Amino acid sequence: MKYPIFLNLKSKRAVVIGGGSVAARKVLGLLDSQARIVVVADKIDDVLENRCRNSNVEFVEAKYSKEYLVSASIVFAATNDRSVNEQVYKDCQELEILCNVADEPEFCDFFVPAVVKRGDLQIAVCTEGDSPSYAGHIRKKLEDIFTEKHGEFLAELEAIRERIMEEISDSSQRKVILGELAGDASFDYYLEKGPEEWEKNTEEKIKSHIANS
């Protein structure tokens, strides 16, 4: 069983070995992370290069060499040569760098989940490499359940949480009101009445909690 985690890769070196369609998926998945992405391949797909043209992705047209892994925080091996991919994994093990080898679960320190993104809300589904297709199937079902409104609602909760943390000193009381605001009834009210009315209603709840504290 793997340990589920979300990594902060901002400004960290993320290396993708390979320049084809599989490597392209890995790179595109990394773009929003603000990592320093380096793609190493003896031939880089034009589609990949074009899609990353306005990004800060660094392309190195060269055969794989261990030197390209130096200072990397995370590595993806996605060539069409299994022996190269396995060598990348072995080198990463030696350098103590997390590595993911495409379509080779036994050579993966981590798996990239199927993800539903709604603003800052991210819901990850992982099958530990057993069936990526099934993870994708579940993701599609979740996409029908969680809409953009959930992401917008989360942004409202983030803003109000900061105020509650400042104004309500009692931790147990904070837990109660934050739990209430994050519940289904609160979200349903947000959907029915809209952000402005929800904020007014929330303001009254906060005042009531402060008055009774």
C-alpha atoms as a PDB file:
ATOM      1  CA  MET A   1       0.000   0.000   0.000  1.00  0.00           C
ATOM      2  CA  LYS A   2       1.387   3.378  -1.038  1.00  0.00           C
ATOM      3  CA  TYR A   3       1.280   6.564   1.038  1.00  0.00           C
ATOM      4  CA  PRO A   4      -1.053   9.143  -0.569  1.00  0.00           C
ATOM      5  CA  ILE A   5       0.469  12.608  -0.805  1.00  0.00           C
ATOM      6  CA  PHE A   6       0.324  15.882  -2.745  1.00  0.00           C
ATOM      7  CA  LEU A   7       3.781  17.286  -3.529  1.00  0.00           C
ATOM      8  CA  ASN A   8       4.760  20.944  -3.698  1.00  0.00           C
ATOM      9  CA  LEU A   9       7.076  20.995  -6.722  1.00  0.00           C
ATOM     10  CA  LYS A  10       7.260  24.764  -7.146  1.00  0.00           C
ATOM     11  CA  SER A  11      10.756  25.723  -8.380  1.00  0.00           C
ATOM     12  CA  LYS A  12      11.938  22.110  -7.997  1.00  0.00           C
ATOM     13  CA  ARG A  13      13.616  20.231 -10.852  1.00  0.00           C
ATOM     14  CA  ALA A  14      11.341  17.650 -12.476  1.00  0.00           C
ATOM     15  CA  VAL A  15      12.985  15.552 -15.197  1.00  0.00           C
ATOM     16  CA  VAL A  16      11.097  13.676 -17.908  1.00  0.00           C
ATOM     17  CA  ILE A  17      13.135  11.168 -19.902  1.00  0.00           C
ATOM     18  CA  GLY A  18      11.481  10.635 -23.276  1.00  0.00           C
ATOM     19  CA  GLY A  19       9.997  12.816 -25.988  1.00  0.00           C
ATOM     20  CA  GLY A  20       6.941  10.962 -27.281  1.00  0.00           C
ATOM     21  CA  SER A  21       3.228  10.959 -26.472  1.00  0.00           C
ATOM     22  CA  VAL A  22       3.625   9.316 -23.059  1.00  0.00           C
ATOM     23  CA  ALA A  23       6.288  11.828 -22.063  1.00  0.00           C
ATOM     24  CA  ALA A  24       4.001  14.600 -23.318  1.00  0.00           C
ATOM     25  CA  ARG A  25       1.269  13.510 -20.903  1.00  0.00           C
ATOM     26  CA  LYS A  26       3.744  13.591 -18.026  1.00  0.00           C
ATOM     27  CA  VAL A  27       4.955  17.071 -18.979  1.00  0.00           C
ATOM     28  CA  LEU A  28       1.466  18.496 -19.440  1.00  0.00           C
ATOM     29  CA  GLY A  29       0.501  17.107 -16.056  1.00  0.00           C
ATOM     30  CA  LEU A  30       3.446  18.930 -14.485  1.00  0.00           C
ATOM     31  CA  LEU A  31       2.863  22.356 -16.035  1.00  0.00           C
ATOM     32  CA  ASP A  32       0.497  23.642 -13.344  1.00  0.00           C
ATOM     33  CA  SER A  33       2.894  22.581 -10.578  1.00  0.00           C
ATOM     34  CA  GLN A  34       5.364  25.405 -11.379  1.00  0.00           C
ATOM     35  CA  ALA A  35       8.199  22.889 -11.327  1.00  0.00           C
ATOM     36  CA  ARG A  36      11.383  23.456 -13.339  1.00  0.00           C
ATOM     37  CA  ILE A  37      10.646  20.881 -16.018  1.00  0.00           C
ATOM     38  CA  VAL A  38      13.468  19.364 -18.056  1.00  0.00           C
ATOM     39  CA  VAL A  39      12.718  17.005 -20.959  1.00  0.00           C
ATOM     40  CA  VAL A  40      15.579  14.778 -22.121  1.00  0.00           C
ATOM     41  CA  ALA A  41      15.245  12.786 -25.348  1.00  0.00           C
ATOM     42  CA  ASP A  42      17.246  12.116 -28.496  1.00  0.00           C
ATOM     43  CA  LYS A  43      14.107  13.055 -30.464  1.00  0.00           C
ATOM     44  CA  ILE A  44      11.373  15.325 -29.110  1.00  0.00           C
ATOM     45  CA  ASP A  45       7.868  15.140 -30.552  1.00  0.00           C
ATOM     46  CA  ASP A  46       6.811  18.327 -32.368  1.00  0.00           C
ATOM     47  CA  VAL A  47       3.414  18.249 -30.657  1.00  0.00           C
ATOM     48  CA  LEU A  48       5.053  18.208 -27.228  1.00  0.00           C
ATOM     49  CA  GLU A  49       7.403  21.037 -28.126  1.00  0.00           C
ATOM     50  CA  ASN A  50       4.599  23.155 -29.597  1.00  0.00           C
ATOM     51  CA  ARG A  51       2.285  22.689 -26.617  1.00  0.00           C
ATOM     52  CA  CYS A  52       5.048  23.799 -24.258  1.00  0.00           C
ATOM     53  CA  ARG A  53       6.289  26.652 -26.427  1.00  0.00           C
ATOM     54  CA  ASN A  54       5.050  29.393 -24.079  1.00  0.00           C
ATOM     55  CA  SER A  55       6.126  27.622 -20.909  1.00  0.00           C
ATOM     56  CA  ASN A  56       9.478  27.400 -19.160  1.00  0.00           C
ATOM     57  CA  VAL A  57      10.073  23.775 -20.109  1.00  0.00           C
ATOM     58  CA  GLU A  58      13.710  23.074 -20.968  1.00  0.00           C
ATOM     59  CA  PHE A  59      14.306  20.649 -23.829  1.00  0.00           C
ATOM     60  CA  VAL A  60      17.564  18.703 -24.044  1.00  0.00           C
ATOM     61  CA  GLU A  61      17.981  16.738 -27.279  1.00  0.00           C
ATOM     62  CA  ALA A  62      20.387  14.033 -26.195  1.00  0.00           C
ATOM     63  CA  LYS A  63      20.533  10.361 -25.335  1.00  0.00           C
ATOM     64  CA  TYR A  64      19.820   9.555 -21.715  1.00  0.00           C
ATOM     65  CA  SER A  65      22.666  10.008 -19.269  1.00  0.00           C
ATOM     66  CA  LYS A  66      22.665   9.832 -15.500  1.00  0.00           C
ATOM     67  CA  GLU A  67      24.037  13.374 -15.336  1.00  0.00           C
ATOM     68  CA  TYR A  68      20.619  14.784 -16.257  1.00  0.00           C
ATOM     69  CA  LEU A  69      19.166  13.462 -13.009  1.00  0.00           C
ATOM     70  CA  VAL A  70      21.475  15.493 -10.792  1.00  0.00           C
ATOM     71  CA  SER A  71      19.550  17.796  -8.415  1.00  0.00           C
ATOM     72  CA  ALA A  72      16.181  16.457  -9.614  1.00  0.00           C
ATOM     73  CA  SER A  73      13.402  16.115  -7.056  1.00  0.00           C
ATOM     74  CA  ILE A  74      11.286  13.826  -9.197  1.00  0.00           C
ATOM     75  CA  VAL A  75      11.842  11.840 -12.403  1.00  0.00           C
ATOM     76  CA  PHE A  76       9.590  10.264 -15.025  1.00  0.00           C
ATOM     77  CA  ALA A  77      10.988   7.608 -17.365  1.00  0.00           C
ATOM     78  CA  ALA A  78       8.789   7.529 -20.454  1.00  0.00           C
ATOM     79  CA  THR A  79      10.868   6.330 -23.400  1.00  0.00           C
ATOM     80  CA  ASN A  80       9.858   3.534 -25.777  1.00  0.00           C
ATOM     81  CA  ASP A  81      12.928   1.551 -24.711  1.00  0.00           C
ATOM     82  CA  ARG A  82      12.342  -0.590 -21.642  1.00  0.00           C
ATOM     83  CA  SER A  83      16.045  -1.020 -20.941  1.00  0.00           C
ATOM     84  CA  VAL A  84      16.527   2.760 -20.838  1.00  0.00           C
ATOM     85  CA  ASN A  85      13.544   3.194 -18.547  1.00  0.00           C
ATOM     86  CA  GLU A  86      14.853   0.556 -16.167  1.00  0.00           C
ATOM     87  CA  GLN A  87      18.288   2.171 -16.173  1.00  0.00           C
ATOM     88  CA  VAL A  88      16.696   5.502 -15.264  1.00  0.00           C
ATOM     89  CA  TYR A  89      14.973   3.805 -12.340  1.00  0.00           C
ATOM     90  CA  LYS A  90      18.207   2.172 -11.156  1.00  0.00           C
ATOM     91  CA  ASP A  91      20.037   5.487 -11.355  1.00  0.00           C
ATOM     92  CA  CYS A  92      17.269   7.200  -9.400  1.00  0.00           C
ATOM     93  CA  GLN A  93      17.483   4.545  -6.704  1.00  0.00           C
ATOM     94  CA  GLU A  94      21.195   5.178  -6.396  1.00  0.00           C
ATOM     95  CA  LEU A  95      20.661   8.948  -6.225  1.00  0.00           C
ATOM     96  CA  GLU A  96      17.629   8.603  -3.907  1.00  0.00           C
ATOM     97  CA  ILE A  97      15.287  10.397  -6.313  1.00  0.00           C
ATOM     98  CA  LEU A  98      11.611   9.503  -6.626  1.00  0.00           C
ATOM     99  CA  CYS A  99      10.987   7.846  -9.994  1.00  0.00           C
ATOM    100  CA  ASN A 100       7.977   6.802 -12.043  1.00  0.00           C
ATOM    101  CA  VAL A 101       8.464   4.437 -14.980  1.00  0.00           C
ATOM    102  CA  ALA A 102       5.613   4.459 -17.489  1.00  0.00           C
ATOM    103  CA  ASP A 103       3.637   1.202 -17.614  1.00  0.00           C
ATOM    104  CA  GLU A 104       6.034  -0.542 -15.214  1.00  0.00           C
ATOM    105  CA  PRO A 105       4.434  -0.538 -11.725  1.00  0.00           C
ATOM    106  CA  GLU A 106       7.300  -2.553 -10.257  1.00  0.00           C
ATOM    107  CA  PHE A 107       9.666   0.284 -11.189  1.00  0.00           C
ATOM    108  CA  CYS A 108       7.656   3.079  -9.622  1.00  0.00           C
ATOM    109  CA  ASP A 109       8.272   4.869  -6.341  1.00  0.00           C
ATOM    110  CA  PHE A 110       4.973   6.668  -6.878  1.00  0.00           C
ATOM    111  CA  PHE A 111       1.975   6.643  -9.197  1.00  0.00           C
ATOM    112  CA  VAL A 112       0.285   9.592 -10.868  1.00  0.00           C
ATOM    113  CA  PRO A 113      -3.413   9.432  -9.973  1.00  0.00           C
ATOM    114  CA  ALA A 114      -6.412  10.292 -12.090  1.00  0.00           C
ATOM    115  CA  VAL A 115      -7.430  13.713 -10.786  1.00  0.00           C
ATOM    116  CA  VAL A 116     -10.595  15.792 -10.680  1.00  0.00           C
ATOM    117  CA  LYS A 117      -9.678  19.484 -10.416  1.00  0.00           C
ATOM    118  CA  ARG A 118     -12.137  22.132  -9.329  1.00  0.00           C
ATOM    119  CA  GLY A 119     -10.134  25.208  -8.408  1.00  0.00           C
ATOM    120  CA  ASP A 120      -8.010  24.304  -5.391  1.00  0.00           C
ATOM    121  CA  LEU A 121     -10.130  21.206  -4.816  1.00  0.00           C
ATOM    122  CA  GLN A 122      -8.349  18.133  -6.128  1.00  0.00           C
ATOM    123  CA  ILE A 123      -9.704  14.613  -5.816  1.00  0.00           C
ATOM    124  CA  ALA A 124      -7.198  11.894  -6.678  1.00  0.00           C
ATOM    125  CA  VAL A 125      -7.987   8.306  -7.646  1.00  0.00           C
ATOM    126  CA  CYS A 126      -5.181   5.748  -7.678  1.00  0.00           C
ATOM    127  CA  THR A 127      -5.161   2.001  -8.297  1.00  0.00           C
ATOM    128  CA  GLU A 128      -1.413   1.639  -7.564  1.00  0.00           C
ATOM    129  CA  GLY A 129      -0.819   0.843 -11.215  1.00  0.00           C
ATOM    130  CA  ASP A 130      -3.240  -2.103 -11.219  1.00  0.00           C
ATOM    131  CA  SER A 131      -5.658  -0.478 -13.676  1.00  0.00           C
ATOM    132  CA  PRO A 132      -5.207   3.141 -14.770  1.00  0.00           C
ATOM    133  CA  SER A 133      -8.303   2.705 -16.946  1.00  0.00           C
ATOM    134  CA  TYR A 134     -10.428   1.980 -13.880  1.00  0.00           C
ATOM    135  CA  ALA A 135      -9.004   5.029 -12.118  1.00  0.00           C
ATOM    136  CA  GLY A 136      -9.982   7.088 -15.163  1.00  0.00           C
ATOM    137  CA  HIS A 137     -13.473   5.584 -15.111  1.00  0.00           C
ATOM    138  CA  ILE A 138     -13.971   6.570 -11.480  1.00  0.00           C
ATOM    139  CA  ARG A 139     -12.610  10.046 -12.192  1.00  0.00           C
ATOM    140  CA  LYS A 140     -15.253  10.564 -14.882  1.00  0.00           C
ATOM    141  CA  LYS A 141     -17.982   9.601 -12.427  1.00  0.00           C
ATOM    142  CA  LEU A 142     -16.604  12.047  -9.859  1.00  0.00           C
ATOM    143  CA  GLU A 143     -16.495  14.799 -12.490  1.00  0.00           C
ATOM    144  CA  ASP A 144     -20.271  14.544 -12.749  1.00  0.00           C
ATOM    145  CA  ILE A 145     -20.642  14.884  -8.976  1.00  0.00           C
ATOM    146  CA  PHE A 146     -18.158  17.659  -8.248  1.00  0.00           C
ATOM    147  CA  THR A 147     -18.698  20.777 -10.363  1.00  0.00           C
ATOM    148  CA  GLU A 148     -16.946  24.125 -10.684  1.00  0.00           C
ATOM    149  CA  LYS A 149     -19.298  25.351  -7.951  1.00  0.00           C
ATOM    150  CA  HIS A 150     -17.452  23.142  -5.484  1.00  0.00           C
ATOM    151  CA  GLY A 151     -14.205  24.901  -6.347  1.00  0.00           C
ATOM    152  CA  GLU A 152     -15.844  28.321  -5.973  1.00  0.00           C
ATOM    153  CA  PHE A 153     -17.331  27.270  -2.643  1.00  0.00           C
ATOM    154  CA  LEU A 154     -13.908  26.151  -1.442  1.00  0.00           C
ATOM    155  CA  ALA A 155     -12.505  29.602  -2.260  1.00  0.00           C
ATOM    156  CA  GLU A 156     -15.221  31.140  -0.066  1.00  0.00           C
ATOM    157  CA  LEU A 157     -14.378  28.722   2.748  1.00  0.00           C
ATOM    158  CA  GLU A 158     -10.692  29.574   2.487  1.00  0.00           C
ATOM    159  CA  ALA A 159     -11.376  33.290   2.898  1.00  0.00           C
ATOM    160  CA  ILE A 160     -13.763  32.849   5.816  1.00  0.00           C
ATOM    161  CA  ARG A 161     -11.470  30.331   7.540  1.00  0.00           C
ATOM    162  CA  GLU A 162      -8.722  32.941   7.823  1.00  0.00           C
ATOM    163  CA  ARG A 163     -11.093  35.312   9.604  1.00  0.00           C
ATOM    164  CA  ILE A 164     -12.419  32.622  11.928  1.00  0.00           C
ATOM    165  CA  MET A 165      -8.879  31.609  12.891  1.00  0.00           C
ATOM    166  CA  GLU A 166      -8.158  35.240  13.814  1.00  0.00           C
ATOM    167  CA  GLU A 167     -11.394  36.099  15.628  1.00  0.00           C
ATOM    168  CA  ILE A 168     -12.368  32.895  17.436  1.00  0.00           C
ATOM    169  CA  SER A 169      -9.687  31.827  19.885  1.00  0.00           C
ATOM    170  CA  ASP A 170     -11.329  28.669  21.212  1.00  0.00           C
ATOM    171  CA  SER A 171     -10.167  25.747  19.040  1.00  0.00           C
ATOM    172  CA  SER A 172     -13.192  23.543  19.766  1.00  0.00           C
ATOM    173  CA  GLN A 173     -15.538  26.378  18.819  1.00  0.00           C
ATOM    174  CA  ARG A 174     -13.586  26.991  15.619  1.00  0.00           C
ATOM    175  CA  LYS A 175     -13.892  23.316  14.757  1.00  0.00           C
ATOM    176  CA  VAL A 176     -17.665  23.429  15.208  1.00  0.00           C
ATOM    177  CA  ILE A 177     -18.274  26.470  13.021  1.00  0.00           C
ATOM    178  CA  LEU A 178     -15.797  25.424  10.327  1.00  0.00           C
ATOM    179  CA  GLY A 179     -17.410  21.998  10.180  1.00  0.00           C
ATOM    180  CA  GLU A 180     -20.857  23.587   9.933  1.00  0.00           C
ATOM    181  CA  LEU A 181     -19.799  25.913   7.121  1.00  0.00           C
ATOM    182  CA  ALA A 182     -18.202  23.057   5.158  1.00  0.00           C
ATOM    183  CA  GLY A 183     -21.279  20.823   5.427  1.00  0.00           C
ATOM    184  CA  ASP A 184     -23.908  19.921   2.846  1.00  0.00           C
ATOM    185  CA  ALA A 185     -26.500  22.352   4.216  1.00  0.00           C
ATOM    186  CA  SER A 186     -24.065  25.245   3.850  1.00  0.00           C
ATOM    187  CA  PHE A 187     -23.172  24.246   0.288  1.00  0.00           C
ATOM    188  CA  ASP A 188     -26.835  23.840  -0.654  1.00  0.00           C
ATOM    189  CA  TYR A 189     -27.535  27.324   0.731  1.00  0.00           C
ATOM    190  CA  TYR A 190     -24.620  28.662  -1.345  1.00  0.00           C
ATOM    191  CA  LEU A 191     -26.044  27.076  -4.500  1.00  0.00           C
ATOM    192  CA  GLU A 192     -29.584  28.276  -3.849  1.00  0.00           C
ATOM    193  CA  LYS A 193     -28.910  31.818  -2.617  1.00  0.00           C
ATOM    194  CA  GLY A 194     -25.575  32.643  -4.232  1.00  0.00           C
ATOM    195  CA  PRO A 195     -22.241  33.857  -2.819  1.00  0.00           C
ATOM    196  CA  GLU A 196     -23.454  37.220  -1.525  1.00  0.00           C
ATOM    197  CA  GLU A 197     -26.316  35.816   0.554  1.00  0.00           C
ATOM    198  CA  TRP A 198     -24.131  32.962   1.754  1.00  0.00           C
ATOM    199  CA  GLU A 199     -21.537  35.458   2.991  1.00  0.00           C
ATOM    200  CA  LYS A 200     -24.210  37.447   4.845  1.00  0.00           C
ATOM    201  CA  ASN A 201     -25.566  34.299   6.454  1.00  0.00           C
ATOM    202  CA  THR A 202     -22.065  33.201   7.401  1.00  0.00           C
ATOM    203  CA  GLU A 203     -21.358  36.603   8.923  1.00  0.00           C
ATOM    204  CA  GLU A 204     -24.365  36.215  11.208  1.00  0.00           C
ATOM    205  CA  LYS A 205     -23.222  32.756  12.269  1.00  0.00           C
ATOM    206  CA  ILE A 206     -19.749  34.025  13.135  1.00  0.00           C
ATOM    207  CA  LYS A 207     -21.173  36.923  15.152  1.00  0.00           C
ATOM    208  CA  SER A 208     -23.432  34.516  17.008  1.00  0.00           C
ATOM    209  CA  HIS A 209     -20.528  32.215  17.875  1.00  0.00           C
ATOM    210  CA  ILE A 210     -18.412  35.147  19.057  1.00  0.00           C
ATOM    211  CA  ALA A 211     -21.256  36.521  21.173  1.00  0.00           C
ATOM    212  CA  ASN A 212     -21.787  33.144  22.819  1.00  0.00           C
ATOM    213  CA  SER A 213     -18.116  32.481  23.451  1.00  0.00           C
END
